[in-house]
Amino acid sequence: MAQQSSPLIRRESDAEYETVDAAEGLRKGVLVGEEHGAPNLAIRRFVLEAGGEVPKHTNDVEHEQYVLEGEYVVGIGDEEHTVGAGDSLHIPAGTVHWYRNDGDEPGAFICAVPAGDDEIRLVED
């Protein structure tokens, strides 16, 4: 039987951002997650600062992302893609991916993942 949850409204000011230690210039804020009573999905907002970089890594869960602002490069497998506001991405579970912001402005994106642990595993070149 599915877990019953209550409706929830969280304001922009409710989100607390933390630095992602495995990356350079990346901050993460959990907008809605298990800790807020959402049993199935987590929605997070990431900010990749100008000059920021996230090394090659994998996750055990899929990612759906929507770019809110800025422009940056996403590596997925062996391909590089420049993405900007309004673009969407699907990164399957276990896929090697990385991010790099070569621009002068921060980039920001929403990431939706299944609820639970989303540990990243760095990949050596």
PDB file of N, CA and C in Angstrom:
ATOM      1  N   MET A   1       0.843  -1.182   0.000  1.00  0.00           N
ATOM      2  CA  MET A   1       0.000   0.000   0.000  1.00  0.00           C
ATOM      3  C   MET A   1       0.886   1.242   0.000  1.00  0.00           C
ATOM      4  N   ALA A   2       0.557   2.228  -0.833  1.00  0.00           N
ATOM      5  CA  ALA A   2       1.339   3.462  -0.931  1.00  0.00           C
ATOM      6  C   ALA A   2       1.224   4.277   0.346  1.00  0.00           C
ATOM      7  N   GLN A   3       2.336   4.903   0.694  1.00  0.00           N
ATOM      8  CA  GLN A   3       2.353   5.757   1.875  1.00  0.00           C
ATOM      9  C   GLN A   3       1.514   6.996   1.610  1.00  0.00           C
ATOM     10  N   GLN A   4       0.667   7.361   2.558  1.00  0.00           N
ATOM     11  CA  GLN A   4      -0.175   8.541   2.426  1.00  0.00           C
ATOM     12  C   GLN A   4       0.616   9.765   2.882  1.00  0.00           C
ATOM     13  N   SER A   5       0.572  10.832   2.125  1.00  0.00           N
ATOM     14  CA  SER A   5       1.264  12.055   2.515  1.00  0.00           C
ATOM     15  C   SER A   5       0.285  13.217   2.497  1.00  0.00           C
ATOM     16  N   SER A   6       0.697  14.320   3.083  1.00  0.00           N
ATOM     17  CA  SER A   6      -0.137  15.514   3.157  1.00  0.00           C
ATOM     18  C   SER A   6       0.320  16.527   2.128  1.00  0.00           C
ATOM     19  N   PRO A   7      -0.587  17.369   1.640  1.00  0.00           N
ATOM     20  CA  PRO A   7      -0.174  18.443   0.734  1.00  0.00           C
ATOM     21  C   PRO A   7       0.851  19.346   1.416  1.00  0.00           C
ATOM     22  N   LEU A   8       1.676  19.999   0.595  1.00  0.00           N
ATOM     23  CA  LEU A   8       2.755  20.823   1.132  1.00  0.00           C
ATOM     24  C   LEU A   8       3.023  21.991   0.210  1.00  0.00           C
ATOM     25  N   ILE A   9       3.206  23.138   0.793  1.00  0.00           N
ATOM     26  CA  ILE A   9       3.673  24.324   0.066  1.00  0.00           C
ATOM     27  C   ILE A   9       4.956  24.773   0.754  1.00  0.00           C
ATOM     28  N   ARG A  10       6.020  24.873  -0.017  1.00  0.00           N
ATOM     29  CA  ARG A  10       7.274  25.413   0.508  1.00  0.00           C
ATOM     30  C   ARG A  10       7.602  26.665  -0.285  1.00  0.00           C
ATOM     31  N   ARG A  11       8.020  27.686   0.385  1.00  0.00           N
ATOM     32  CA  ARG A  11       8.376  28.956  -0.243  1.00  0.00           C
ATOM     33  C   ARG A  11       9.849  28.951  -0.635  1.00  0.00           C
ATOM     34  N   GLU A  12      10.204  29.813  -1.576  1.00  0.00           N
ATOM     35  CA  GLU A  12      11.592  29.906  -2.021  1.00  0.00           C
ATOM     36  C   GLU A  12      12.531  30.115  -0.833  1.00  0.00           C
ATOM     37  N   SER A  13      12.107  30.918   0.112  1.00  0.00           N
ATOM     38  CA  SER A  13      12.947  31.215   1.277  1.00  0.00           C
ATOM     39  C   SER A  13      13.101  30.025   2.229  1.00  0.00           C
ATOM     40  N   ASP A  14      12.283  28.979   2.055  1.00  0.00           N
ATOM     41  CA  ASP A  14      12.381  27.785   2.907  1.00  0.00           C
ATOM     42  C   ASP A  14      13.585  26.904   2.548  1.00  0.00           C
ATOM     43  N   ALA A  15      14.040  26.992   1.309  1.00  0.00           N
ATOM     44  CA  ALA A  15      15.132  26.124   0.850  1.00  0.00           C
ATOM     45  C   ALA A  15      16.464  26.594   1.426  1.00  0.00           C
ATOM     46  N   GLU A  16      17.205  25.649   1.991  1.00  0.00           N
ATOM     47  CA  GLU A  16      18.541  25.936   2.504  1.00  0.00           C
ATOM     48  C   GLU A  16      19.543  25.298   1.558  1.00  0.00           C
ATOM     49  N   TYR A  17      20.530  26.067   1.144  1.00  0.00           N
ATOM     50  CA  TYR A  17      21.525  25.594   0.182  1.00  0.00           C
ATOM     51  C   TYR A  17      22.806  25.202   0.901  1.00  0.00           C
ATOM     52  N   GLU A  18      23.424  24.135   0.388  1.00  0.00           N
ATOM     53  CA  GLU A  18      24.702  23.691   0.930  1.00  0.00           C
ATOM     54  C   GLU A  18      25.669  23.462  -0.227  1.00  0.00           C
ATOM     55  N   THR A  19      26.942  23.608   0.078  1.00  0.00           N
ATOM     56  CA  THR A  19      27.986  23.363  -0.913  1.00  0.00           C
ATOM     57  C   THR A  19      28.117  21.863  -1.126  1.00  0.00           C
ATOM     58  N   VAL A  20      28.260  21.472  -2.388  1.00  0.00           N
ATOM     59  CA  VAL A  20      28.477  20.062  -2.715  1.00  0.00           C
ATOM     60  C   VAL A  20      29.987  19.820  -2.694  1.00  0.00           C
ATOM     61  N   ASP A  21      30.442  19.036  -1.734  1.00  0.00           N
ATOM     62  CA  ASP A  21      31.874  18.845  -1.506  1.00  0.00           C
ATOM     63  C   ASP A  21      32.603  18.200  -2.674  1.00  0.00           C
ATOM     64  N   ALA A  22      31.939  17.331  -3.425  1.00  0.00           N
ATOM     65  CA  ALA A  22      32.593  16.606  -4.519  1.00  0.00           C
ATOM     66  C   ALA A  22      32.793  17.471  -5.755  1.00  0.00           C
ATOM     67  N   ALA A  23      32.284  18.706  -5.730  1.00  0.00           N
ATOM     68  CA  ALA A  23      32.347  19.585  -6.899  1.00  0.00           C
ATOM     69  C   ALA A  23      33.010  20.904  -6.521  1.00  0.00           C
ATOM     70  N   GLU A  24      33.261  21.717  -7.530  1.00  0.00           N
ATOM     71  CA  GLU A  24      33.807  23.055  -7.320  1.00  0.00           C
ATOM     72  C   GLU A  24      32.785  24.071  -7.810  1.00  0.00           C
ATOM     73  N   GLY A  25      32.276  24.907  -6.904  1.00  0.00           N
ATOM     74  CA  GLY A  25      31.336  25.949  -7.304  1.00  0.00           C
ATOM     75  C   GLY A  25      29.915  25.463  -7.505  1.00  0.00           C
ATOM     76  N   LEU A  26      29.500  24.415  -6.782  1.00  0.00           N
ATOM     77  CA  LEU A  26      28.144  23.876  -6.907  1.00  0.00           C
ATOM     78  C   LEU A  26      27.452  23.912  -5.553  1.00  0.00           C
ATOM     79  N   ARG A  27      26.224  24.458  -5.554  1.00  0.00           N
ATOM     80  CA  ARG A  27      25.394  24.487  -4.349  1.00  0.00           C
ATOM     81  C   ARG A  27      24.084  23.751  -4.621  1.00  0.00           C
ATOM     82  N   LYS A  28      23.558  23.070  -3.595  1.00  0.00           N
ATOM     83  CA  LYS A  28      22.324  22.300  -3.727  1.00  0.00           C
ATOM     84  C   LYS A  28      21.336  22.708  -2.654  1.00  0.00           C
ATOM     85  N   GLY A  29      20.080  22.891  -3.060  1.00  0.00           N
ATOM     86  CA  GLY A  29      18.989  23.114  -2.125  1.00  0.00           C
ATOM     87  C   GLY A  29      17.893  22.100  -2.387  1.00  0.00           C
ATOM     88  N   VAL A  30      17.441  21.416  -1.347  1.00  0.00           N
ATOM     89  CA  VAL A  30      16.327  20.470  -1.496  1.00  0.00           C
ATOM     90  C   VAL A  30      15.042  21.277  -1.384  1.00  0.00           C
ATOM     91  N   LEU A  31      14.280  21.326  -2.476  1.00  0.00           N
ATOM     92  CA  LEU A  31      13.027  22.073  -2.494  1.00  0.00           C
ATOM     93  C   LEU A  31      11.906  21.258  -1.857  1.00  0.00           C
ATOM     94  N   VAL A  32      11.802  19.996  -2.259  1.00  0.00           N
ATOM     95  CA  VAL A  32      10.840  19.058  -1.677  1.00  0.00           C
ATOM     96  C   VAL A  32      11.501  17.690  -1.642  1.00  0.00           C
ATOM     97  N   GLY A  33      11.408  17.015  -0.513  1.00  0.00           N
ATOM     98  CA  GLY A  33      12.002  15.695  -0.396  1.00  0.00           C
ATOM     99  C   GLY A  33      11.344  14.891   0.701  1.00  0.00           C
ATOM    100  N   GLU A  34      11.927  13.741   0.977  1.00  0.00           N
ATOM    101  CA  GLU A  34      11.380  12.858   2.017  1.00  0.00           C
ATOM    102  C   GLU A  34      11.253  13.569   3.363  1.00  0.00           C
ATOM    103  N   GLU A  35      12.238  14.412   3.666  1.00  0.00           N
ATOM    104  CA  GLU A  35      12.213  15.124   4.948  1.00  0.00           C
ATOM    105  C   GLU A  35      11.058  16.107   5.070  1.00  0.00           C
ATOM    106  N   HIS A  36      10.393  16.381   3.937  1.00  0.00           N
ATOM    107  CA  HIS A  36       9.232  17.278   3.931  1.00  0.00           C
ATOM    108  C   HIS A  36       7.928  16.503   3.756  1.00  0.00           C
ATOM    109  N   GLY A  37       8.020  15.175   3.750  1.00  0.00           N
ATOM    110  CA  GLY A  37       6.822  14.350   3.645  1.00  0.00           C
ATOM    111  C   GLY A  37       6.507  13.867   2.240  1.00  0.00           C
ATOM    112  N   ALA A  38       7.421  14.060   1.287  1.00  0.00           N
ATOM    113  CA  ALA A  38       7.207  13.573  -0.086  1.00  0.00           C
ATOM    114  C   ALA A  38       7.832  12.176  -0.186  1.00  0.00           C
ATOM    115  N   PRO A  39       7.047  11.110  -0.248  1.00  0.00           N
ATOM    116  CA  PRO A  39       7.588   9.763  -0.141  1.00  0.00           C
ATOM    117  C   PRO A  39       8.225   9.202  -1.412  1.00  0.00           C
ATOM    118  N   ASN A  40       7.949   9.768  -2.582  1.00  0.00           N
ATOM    119  CA  ASN A  40       8.380   9.138  -3.830  1.00  0.00           C
ATOM    120  C   ASN A  40       9.425   9.891  -4.628  1.00  0.00           C
ATOM    121  N   LEU A  41       9.378  11.202  -4.613  1.00  0.00           N
ATOM    122  CA  LEU A  41      10.272  12.019  -5.425  1.00  0.00           C
ATOM    123  C   LEU A  41      10.932  13.095  -4.583  1.00  0.00           C
ATOM    124  N   ALA A  42      12.117  13.517  -5.032  1.00  0.00           N
ATOM    125  CA  ALA A  42      12.786  14.681  -4.452  1.00  0.00           C
ATOM    126  C   ALA A  42      13.023  15.679  -5.576  1.00  0.00           C
ATOM    127  N   ILE A  43      12.781  16.942  -5.296  1.00  0.00           N
ATOM    128  CA  ILE A  43      13.063  18.011  -6.252  1.00  0.00           C
ATOM    129  C   ILE A  43      14.106  18.908  -5.610  1.00  0.00           C
ATOM    130  N   ARG A  44      15.208  19.081  -6.357  1.00  0.00           N
ATOM    131  CA  ARG A  44      16.317  19.874  -5.837  1.00  0.00           C
ATOM    132  C   ARG A  44      16.672  20.967  -6.843  1.00  0.00           C
ATOM    133  N   ARG A  45      17.237  22.045  -6.330  1.00  0.00           N
ATOM    134  CA  ARG A  45      17.712  23.139  -7.183  1.00  0.00           C
ATOM    135  C   ARG A  45      19.213  23.243  -6.985  1.00  0.00           C
ATOM    136  N   PHE A  46      19.940  23.238  -8.105  1.00  0.00           N
ATOM    137  CA  PHE A  46      21.390  23.369  -8.073  1.00  0.00           C
ATOM    138  C   PHE A  46      21.799  24.682  -8.714  1.00  0.00           C
ATOM    139  N   VAL A  47      22.855  25.292  -8.188  1.00  0.00           N
ATOM    140  CA  VAL A  47      23.454  26.486  -8.775  1.00  0.00           C
ATOM    141  C   VAL A  47      24.913  26.163  -9.055  1.00  0.00           C
ATOM    142  N   LEU A  48      25.301  26.278 -10.339  1.00  0.00           N
ATOM    143  CA  LEU A  48      26.681  26.050 -10.766  1.00  0.00           C
ATOM    144  C   LEU A  48      27.290  27.413 -11.077  1.00  0.00           C
ATOM    145  N   GLU A  49      28.158  27.860 -10.198  1.00  0.00           N
ATOM    146  CA  GLU A  49      28.751  29.187 -10.325  1.00  0.00           C
ATOM    147  C   GLU A  49      29.615  29.294 -11.578  1.00  0.00           C
ATOM    148  N   ALA A  50      29.827  30.533 -12.051  1.00  0.00           N
ATOM    149  CA  ALA A  50      30.741  30.774 -13.172  1.00  0.00           C
ATOM    150  C   ALA A  50      32.091  30.150 -12.822  1.00  0.00           C
ATOM    151  N   GLY A  51      32.639  29.368 -13.735  1.00  0.00           N
ATOM    152  CA  GLY A  51      33.896  28.683 -13.490  1.00  0.00           C
ATOM    153  C   GLY A  51      33.745  27.386 -12.705  1.00  0.00           C
ATOM    154  N   GLY A  52      32.533  27.055 -12.299  1.00  0.00           N
ATOM    155  CA  GLY A  52      32.289  25.848 -11.513  1.00  0.00           C
ATOM    156  C   GLY A  52      32.395  24.581 -12.353  1.00  0.00           C
ATOM    157  N   GLU A  53      32.671  23.483 -11.667  1.00  0.00           N
ATOM    158  CA  GLU A  53      32.862  22.215 -12.357  1.00  0.00           C
ATOM    159  C   GLU A  53      32.472  21.055 -11.448  1.00  0.00           C
ATOM    160  N   VAL A  54      31.761  20.098 -12.004  1.00  0.00           N
ATOM    161  CA  VAL A  54      31.405  18.872 -11.306  1.00  0.00           C
ATOM    162  C   VAL A  54      32.120  17.735 -12.030  1.00  0.00           C
ATOM    163  N   PRO A  55      32.967  16.969 -11.335  1.00  0.00           N
ATOM    164  CA  PRO A  55      33.736  15.916 -12.018  1.00  0.00           C
ATOM    165  C   PRO A  55      32.845  14.784 -12.518  1.00  0.00           C
ATOM    166  N   LYS A  56      33.426  13.943 -13.379  1.00  0.00           N
ATOM    167  CA  LYS A  56      32.711  12.776 -13.885  1.00  0.00           C
ATOM    168  C   LYS A  56      32.258  11.909 -12.712  1.00  0.00           C
ATOM    169  N   HIS A  57      30.977  11.511 -12.774  1.00  0.00           N
ATOM    170  CA  HIS A  57      30.425  10.679 -11.708  1.00  0.00           C
ATOM    171  C   HIS A  57      29.225   9.897 -12.220  1.00  0.00           C
ATOM    172  N   THR A  58      28.774   8.969 -11.415  1.00  0.00           N
ATOM    173  CA  THR A  58      27.552   8.229 -11.690  1.00  0.00           C
ATOM    174  C   THR A  58      26.668   8.280 -10.450  1.00  0.00           C
ATOM    175  N   ASN A  59      25.402   7.961 -10.638  1.00  0.00           N
ATOM    176  CA  ASN A  59      24.431   7.842  -9.554  1.00  0.00           C
ATOM    177  C   ASN A  59      23.646   6.554  -9.767  1.00  0.00           C
ATOM    178  N   ASP A  60      23.118   6.003  -8.701  1.00  0.00           N
ATOM    179  CA  ASP A  60      22.313   4.787  -8.805  1.00  0.00           C
ATOM    180  C   ASP A  60      20.880   5.078  -9.243  1.00  0.00           C
ATOM    181  N   VAL A  61      20.503   6.346  -9.317  1.00  0.00           N
ATOM    182  CA  VAL A  61      19.133   6.711  -9.696  1.00  0.00           C
ATOM    183  C   VAL A  61      19.157   7.606 -10.936  1.00  0.00           C
ATOM    184  N   GLU A  62      18.070   7.564 -11.692  1.00  0.00           N
ATOM    185  CA  GLU A  62      17.936   8.447 -12.847  1.00  0.00           C
ATOM    186  C   GLU A  62      17.748   9.890 -12.387  1.00  0.00           C
ATOM    187  N   HIS A  63      18.046  10.825 -13.306  1.00  0.00           N
ATOM    188  CA  HIS A  63      17.864  12.256 -13.041  1.00  0.00           C
ATOM    189  C   HIS A  63      17.051  12.859 -14.181  1.00  0.00           C
ATOM    190  N   GLU A  64      16.083  13.657 -13.843  1.00  0.00           N
ATOM    191  CA  GLU A  64      15.421  14.513 -14.819  1.00  0.00           C
ATOM    192  C   GLU A  64      15.751  15.935 -14.413  1.00  0.00           C
ATOM    193  N   GLN A  65      16.237  16.727 -15.371  1.00  0.00           N
ATOM    194  CA  GLN A  65      16.671  18.085 -15.051  1.00  0.00           C
ATOM    195  C   GLN A  65      16.032  19.090 -15.987  1.00  0.00           C
ATOM    196  N   TYR A  66      15.832  20.298 -15.452  1.00  0.00           N
ATOM    197  CA  TYR A  66      15.309  21.413 -16.226  1.00  0.00           C
ATOM    198  C   TYR A  66      16.180  22.620 -15.930  1.00  0.00           C
ATOM    199  N   VAL A  67      16.755  23.204 -16.974  1.00  0.00           N
ATOM    200  CA  VAL A  67      17.656  24.346 -16.807  1.00  0.00           C
ATOM    201  C   VAL A  67      16.829  25.614 -16.596  1.00  0.00           C
ATOM    202  N   LEU A  68      17.073  26.292 -15.478  1.00  0.00           N
ATOM    203  CA  LEU A  68      16.343  27.507 -15.135  1.00  0.00           C
ATOM    204  C   LEU A  68      16.989  28.760 -15.710  1.00  0.00           C
ATOM    205  N   GLU A  69      18.313  28.822 -15.623  1.00  0.00           N
ATOM    206  CA  GLU A  69      19.013  30.031 -16.062  1.00  0.00           C
ATOM    207  C   GLU A  69      20.461  29.721 -16.379  1.00  0.00           C
ATOM    208  N   GLY A  70      21.061  30.623 -17.135  1.00  0.00           N
ATOM    209  CA  GLY A  70      22.465  30.480 -17.485  1.00  0.00           C
ATOM    210  C   GLY A  70      22.674  29.485 -18.612  1.00  0.00           C
ATOM    211  N   GLU A  71      23.948  29.233 -18.870  1.00  0.00           N
ATOM    212  CA  GLU A  71      24.348  28.273 -19.897  1.00  0.00           C
ATOM    213  C   GLU A  71      25.586  27.558 -19.390  1.00  0.00           C
ATOM    214  N   TYR A  72      25.639  26.246 -19.591  1.00  0.00           N
ATOM    215  CA  TYR A  72      26.785  25.467 -19.139  1.00  0.00           C
ATOM    216  C   TYR A  72      26.879  24.210 -19.991  1.00  0.00           C
ATOM    217  N   VAL A  73      27.969  23.482 -19.823  1.00  0.00           N
ATOM    218  CA  VAL A  73      28.214  22.260 -20.592  1.00  0.00           C
ATOM    219  C   VAL A  73      27.925  21.063 -19.697  1.00  0.00           C
ATOM    220  N   VAL A  74      27.194  20.095 -20.259  1.00  0.00           N
ATOM    221  CA  VAL A  74      26.929  18.832 -19.575  1.00  0.00           C
ATOM    222  C   VAL A  74      27.570  17.730 -20.403  1.00  0.00           C
ATOM    223  N   GLY A  75      28.378  16.920 -19.781  1.00  0.00           N
ATOM    224  CA  GLY A  75      28.908  15.734 -20.434  1.00  0.00           C
ATOM    225  C   GLY A  75      28.066  14.545 -20.030  1.00  0.00           C
ATOM    226  N   ILE A  76      27.584  13.808 -21.018  1.00  0.00           N
ATOM    227  CA  ILE A  76      26.798  12.601 -20.756  1.00  0.00           C
ATOM    228  C   ILE A  76      27.436  11.495 -21.579  1.00  0.00           C
ATOM    229  N   GLY A  77      27.998  10.506 -20.894  1.00  0.00           N
ATOM    230  CA  GLY A  77      28.741   9.477 -21.608  1.00  0.00           C
ATOM    231  C   GLY A  77      29.940  10.116 -22.286  1.00  0.00           C
ATOM    232  N   ASP A  78      30.079   9.921 -23.599  1.00  0.00           N
ATOM    233  CA  ASP A  78      31.201  10.477 -24.355  1.00  0.00           C
ATOM    234  C   ASP A  78      30.851  11.765 -25.088  1.00  0.00           C
ATOM    235  N   GLU A  79      29.653  12.320 -24.854  1.00  0.00           N
ATOM    236  CA  GLU A  79      29.214  13.510 -25.584  1.00  0.00           C
ATOM    237  C   GLU A  79      29.100  14.720 -24.675  1.00  0.00           C
ATOM    238  N   GLU A  80      29.402  15.907 -25.241  1.00  0.00           N
ATOM    239  CA  GLU A  80      29.231  17.177 -24.539  1.00  0.00           C
ATOM    240  C   GLU A  80      28.051  17.913 -25.144  1.00  0.00           C
ATOM    241  N   HIS A  81      27.249  18.544 -24.282  1.00  0.00           N
ATOM    242  CA  HIS A  81      26.077  19.294 -24.726  1.00  0.00           C
ATOM    243  C   HIS A  81      26.066  20.640 -24.011  1.00  0.00           C
ATOM    244  N   THR A  82      25.937  21.725 -24.762  1.00  0.00           N
ATOM    245  CA  THR A  82      25.737  23.029 -24.146  1.00  0.00           C
ATOM    246  C   THR A  82      24.239  23.192 -23.920  1.00  0.00           C
ATOM    247  N   VAL A  83      23.855  23.486 -22.682  1.00  0.00           N
ATOM    248  CA  VAL A  83      22.446  23.633 -22.339  1.00  0.00           C
ATOM    249  C   VAL A  83      22.200  25.027 -21.768  1.00  0.00           C
ATOM    250  N   GLY A  84      20.967  25.484 -21.927  1.00  0.00           N
ATOM    251  CA  GLY A  84      20.577  26.792 -21.428  1.00  0.00           C
ATOM    252  C   GLY A  84      19.142  26.781 -20.950  1.00  0.00           C
ATOM    253  N   ALA A  85      18.698  27.916 -20.449  1.00  0.00           N
ATOM    254  CA  ALA A  85      17.365  28.057 -19.868  1.00  0.00           C
ATOM    255  C   ALA A  85      16.301  27.464 -20.786  1.00  0.00           C
ATOM    256  N   GLY A  86      15.450  26.624 -20.209  1.00  0.00           N
ATOM    257  CA  GLY A  86      14.363  25.988 -20.940  1.00  0.00           C
ATOM    258  C   GLY A  86      14.692  24.605 -21.454  1.00  0.00           C
ATOM    259  N   ASP A  87      15.964  24.195 -21.417  1.00  0.00           N
ATOM    260  CA  ASP A  87      16.344  22.858 -21.868  1.00  0.00           C
ATOM    261  C   ASP A  87      16.064  21.823 -20.771  1.00  0.00           C
ATOM    262  N   SER A  88      15.775  20.602 -21.199  1.00  0.00           N
ATOM    263  CA  SER A  88      15.511  19.492 -20.278  1.00  0.00           C
ATOM    264  C   SER A  88      16.471  18.351 -20.569  1.00  0.00           C
ATOM    265  N   LEU A  89      16.802  17.578 -19.535  1.00  0.00           N
ATOM    266  CA  LEU A  89      17.729  16.459 -19.679  1.00  0.00           C
ATOM    267  C   LEU A  89      17.179  15.241 -18.949  1.00  0.00           C
ATOM    268  N   HIS A  90      17.485  14.073 -19.486  1.00  0.00           N
ATOM    269  CA  HIS A  90      17.249  12.811 -18.782  1.00  0.00           C
ATOM    270  C   HIS A  90      18.586  12.094 -18.727  1.00  0.00           C
ATOM    271  N   ILE A  91      19.037  11.776 -17.515  1.00  0.00           N
ATOM    272  CA  ILE A  91      20.293  11.058 -17.322  1.00  0.00           C
ATOM    273  C   ILE A  91      19.945   9.731 -16.651  1.00  0.00           C
ATOM    274  N   PRO A  92      20.030   8.636 -17.403  1.00  0.00           N
ATOM    275  CA  PRO A  92      19.675   7.330 -16.830  1.00  0.00           C
ATOM    276  C   PRO A  92      20.587   6.949 -15.666  1.00  0.00           C
ATOM    277  N   ALA A  93      20.077   6.120 -14.780  1.00  0.00           N
ATOM    278  CA  ALA A  93      20.858   5.606 -13.649  1.00  0.00           C
ATOM    279  C   ALA A  93      22.123   4.929 -14.173  1.00  0.00           C
ATOM    280  N   GLY A  94      23.247   5.175 -13.489  1.00  0.00           N
ATOM    281  CA  GLY A  94      24.507   4.536 -13.842  1.00  0.00           C
ATOM    282  C   GLY A  94      25.271   5.193 -14.980  1.00  0.00           C
ATOM    283  N   THR A  95      24.722   6.250 -15.579  1.00  0.00           N
ATOM    284  CA  THR A  95      25.375   6.927 -16.700  1.00  0.00           C
ATOM    285  C   THR A  95      26.429   7.906 -16.189  1.00  0.00           C
ATOM    286  N   VAL A  96      27.629   7.838 -16.756  1.00  0.00           N
ATOM    287  CA  VAL A  96      28.683   8.792 -16.393  1.00  0.00           C
ATOM    288  C   VAL A  96      28.284  10.169 -16.923  1.00  0.00           C
ATOM    289  N   HIS A  97      28.348  11.186 -16.055  1.00  0.00           N
ATOM    290  CA  HIS A  97      28.025  12.553 -16.472  1.00  0.00           C
ATOM    291  C   HIS A  97      28.824  13.547 -15.632  1.00  0.00           C
ATOM    292  N   TRP A  98      28.905  14.795 -16.129  1.00  0.00           N
ATOM    293  CA  TRP A  98      29.666  15.859 -15.475  1.00  0.00           C
ATOM    294  C   TRP A  98      29.145  17.208 -15.964  1.00  0.00           C
ATOM    295  N   TYR A  99      29.563  18.291 -15.309  1.00  0.00           N
ATOM    296  CA  TYR A  99      29.110  19.644 -15.641  1.00  0.00           C
ATOM    297  C   TYR A  99      30.302  20.602 -15.603  1.00  0.00           C
ATOM    298  N   ARG A 100      30.231  21.639 -16.454  1.00  0.00           N
ATOM    299  CA  ARG A 100      31.273  22.673 -16.452  1.00  0.00           C
ATOM    300  C   ARG A 100      30.631  23.988 -16.888  1.00  0.00           C
ATOM    301  N   ASN A 101      30.856  25.038 -16.111  1.00  0.00           N
ATOM    302  CA  ASN A 101      30.337  26.356 -16.460  1.00  0.00           C
ATOM    303  C   ASN A 101      31.509  27.245 -16.863  1.00  0.00           C
ATOM    304  N   ASP A 102      31.699  27.408 -18.186  1.00  0.00           N
ATOM    305  CA  ASP A 102      32.776  28.238 -18.714  1.00  0.00           C
ATOM    306  C   ASP A 102      32.383  29.708 -18.809  1.00  0.00           C
ATOM    307  N   GLY A 103      31.122  30.020 -18.512  1.00  0.00           N
ATOM    308  CA  GLY A 103      30.621  31.379 -18.697  1.00  0.00           C
ATOM    309  C   GLY A 103      30.925  32.299 -17.531  1.00  0.00           C
ATOM    310  N   ASP A 104      30.397  33.524 -17.641  1.00  0.00           N
ATOM    311  CA  ASP A 104      30.587  34.549 -16.614  1.00  0.00           C
ATOM    312  C   ASP A 104      29.405  34.638 -15.653  1.00  0.00           C
ATOM    313  N   GLU A 105      28.339  33.890 -15.929  1.00  0.00           N
ATOM    314  CA  GLU A 105      27.126  33.932 -15.109  1.00  0.00           C
ATOM    315  C   GLU A 105      26.863  32.547 -14.529  1.00  0.00           C
ATOM    316  N   PRO A 106      26.241  32.491 -13.353  1.00  0.00           N
ATOM    317  CA  PRO A 106      25.894  31.176 -12.806  1.00  0.00           C
ATOM    318  C   PRO A 106      24.828  30.488 -13.653  1.00  0.00           C
ATOM    319  N   GLY A 107      24.813  29.179 -13.606  1.00  0.00           N
ATOM    320  CA  GLY A 107      23.750  28.389 -14.203  1.00  0.00           C
ATOM    321  C   GLY A 107      22.951  27.757 -13.074  1.00  0.00           C
ATOM    322  N   ALA A 108      21.667  27.535 -13.297  1.00  0.00           N
ATOM    323  CA  ALA A 108      20.832  26.913 -12.271  1.00  0.00           C
ATOM    324  C   ALA A 108      19.904  25.915 -12.937  1.00  0.00           C
ATOM    325  N   PHE A 109      19.676  24.797 -12.230  1.00  0.00           N
ATOM    326  CA  PHE A 109      18.753  23.795 -12.764  1.00  0.00           C
ATOM    327  C   PHE A 109      18.011  23.100 -11.638  1.00  0.00           C
ATOM    328  N   ILE A 110      16.832  22.598 -12.006  1.00  0.00           N
ATOM    329  CA  ILE A 110      16.017  21.767 -11.131  1.00  0.00           C
ATOM    330  C   ILE A 110      16.344  20.321 -11.464  1.00  0.00           C
ATOM    331  N   CYS A 111      16.453  19.480 -10.455  1.00  0.00           N
ATOM    332  CA  CYS A 111      16.720  18.062 -10.658  1.00  0.00           C
ATOM    333  C   CYS A 111      15.685  17.268  -9.863  1.00  0.00           C
ATOM    334  N   ALA A 112      14.972  16.375 -10.542  1.00  0.00           N
ATOM    335  CA  ALA A 112      14.007  15.499  -9.885  1.00  0.00           C
ATOM    336  C   ALA A 112      14.575  14.082  -9.880  1.00  0.00           C
ATOM    337  N   VAL A 113      14.545  13.443  -8.723  1.00  0.00           N
ATOM    338  CA  VAL A 113      15.061  12.081  -8.566  1.00  0.00           C
ATOM    339  C   VAL A 113      14.115  11.292  -7.673  1.00  0.00           C
ATOM    340  N   PRO A 114      14.161   9.971  -7.770  1.00  0.00           N
ATOM    341  CA  PRO A 114      13.392   9.165  -6.817  1.00  0.00           C
ATOM    342  C   PRO A 114      13.863   9.457  -5.392  1.00  0.00           C
ATOM    343  N   ALA A 115      12.952   9.378  -4.442  1.00  0.00           N
ATOM    344  CA  ALA A 115      13.300   9.605  -3.044  1.00  0.00           C
ATOM    345  C   ALA A 115      14.312   8.562  -2.583  1.00  0.00           C
ATOM    346  N   GLY A 116      15.119   8.926  -1.617  1.00  0.00           N
ATOM    347  CA  GLY A 116      16.113   8.003  -1.068  1.00  0.00           C
ATOM    348  C   GLY A 116      17.514   8.517  -1.296  1.00  0.00           C
ATOM    349  N   ASP A 117      18.472   7.669  -1.030  1.00  0.00           N
ATOM    350  CA  ASP A 117      19.876   8.041  -1.131  1.00  0.00           C
ATOM    351  C   ASP A 117      20.264   8.280  -2.593  1.00  0.00           C
ATOM    352  N   ASP A 118      20.991   9.338  -2.834  1.00  0.00           N
ATOM    353  CA  ASP A 118      21.456   9.663  -4.184  1.00  0.00           C
ATOM    354  C   ASP A 118      22.949   9.956  -4.147  1.00  0.00           C
ATOM    355  N   GLU A 119      23.708   9.042  -3.600  1.00  0.00           N
ATOM    356  CA  GLU A 119      25.151   9.216  -3.479  1.00  0.00           C
ATOM    357  C   GLU A 119      25.803   9.221  -4.857  1.00  0.00           C
ATOM    358  N   ILE A 120      26.758  10.149  -5.042  1.00  0.00           N
ATOM    359  CA  ILE A 120      27.494  10.160  -6.304  1.00  0.00           C
ATOM    360  C   ILE A 120      28.760   9.338  -6.154  1.00  0.00           C
ATOM    361  N   ARG A 121      29.164   8.727  -7.255  1.00  0.00           N
ATOM    362  CA  ARG A 121      30.401   7.951  -7.290  1.00  0.00           C
ATOM    363  C   ARG A 121      31.306   8.581  -8.350  1.00  0.00           C
ATOM    364  N   LEU A 122      32.420   9.148  -7.905  1.00  0.00           N
ATOM    365  CA  LEU A 122      33.344   9.780  -8.828  1.00  0.00           C
ATOM    366  C   LEU A 122      33.964   8.728  -9.736  1.00  0.00           C
ATOM    367  N   VAL A 123      34.223   9.134 -10.993  1.00  0.00           N
ATOM    368  CA  VAL A 123      34.785   8.232 -11.999  1.00  0.00           C
ATOM    369  C   VAL A 123      36.150   8.759 -12.378  1.00  0.00           C
ATOM    370  N   GLU A 124      37.143   7.903 -12.338  1.00  0.00           N
ATOM    371  CA  GLU A 124      38.504   8.270 -12.748  1.00  0.00           C
ATOM    372  C   GLU A 124      38.595   8.304 -14.267  1.00  0.00           C
ATOM    373  N   ASP A 125      39.394   9.217 -14.814  1.00  0.00           N
ATOM    374  CA  ASP A 125      39.615   9.269 -16.270  1.00  0.00           C
ATOM    375  C   ASP A 125      40.476   8.134 -16.729  1.00  0.00           C
TER     376      ASP A 125
END
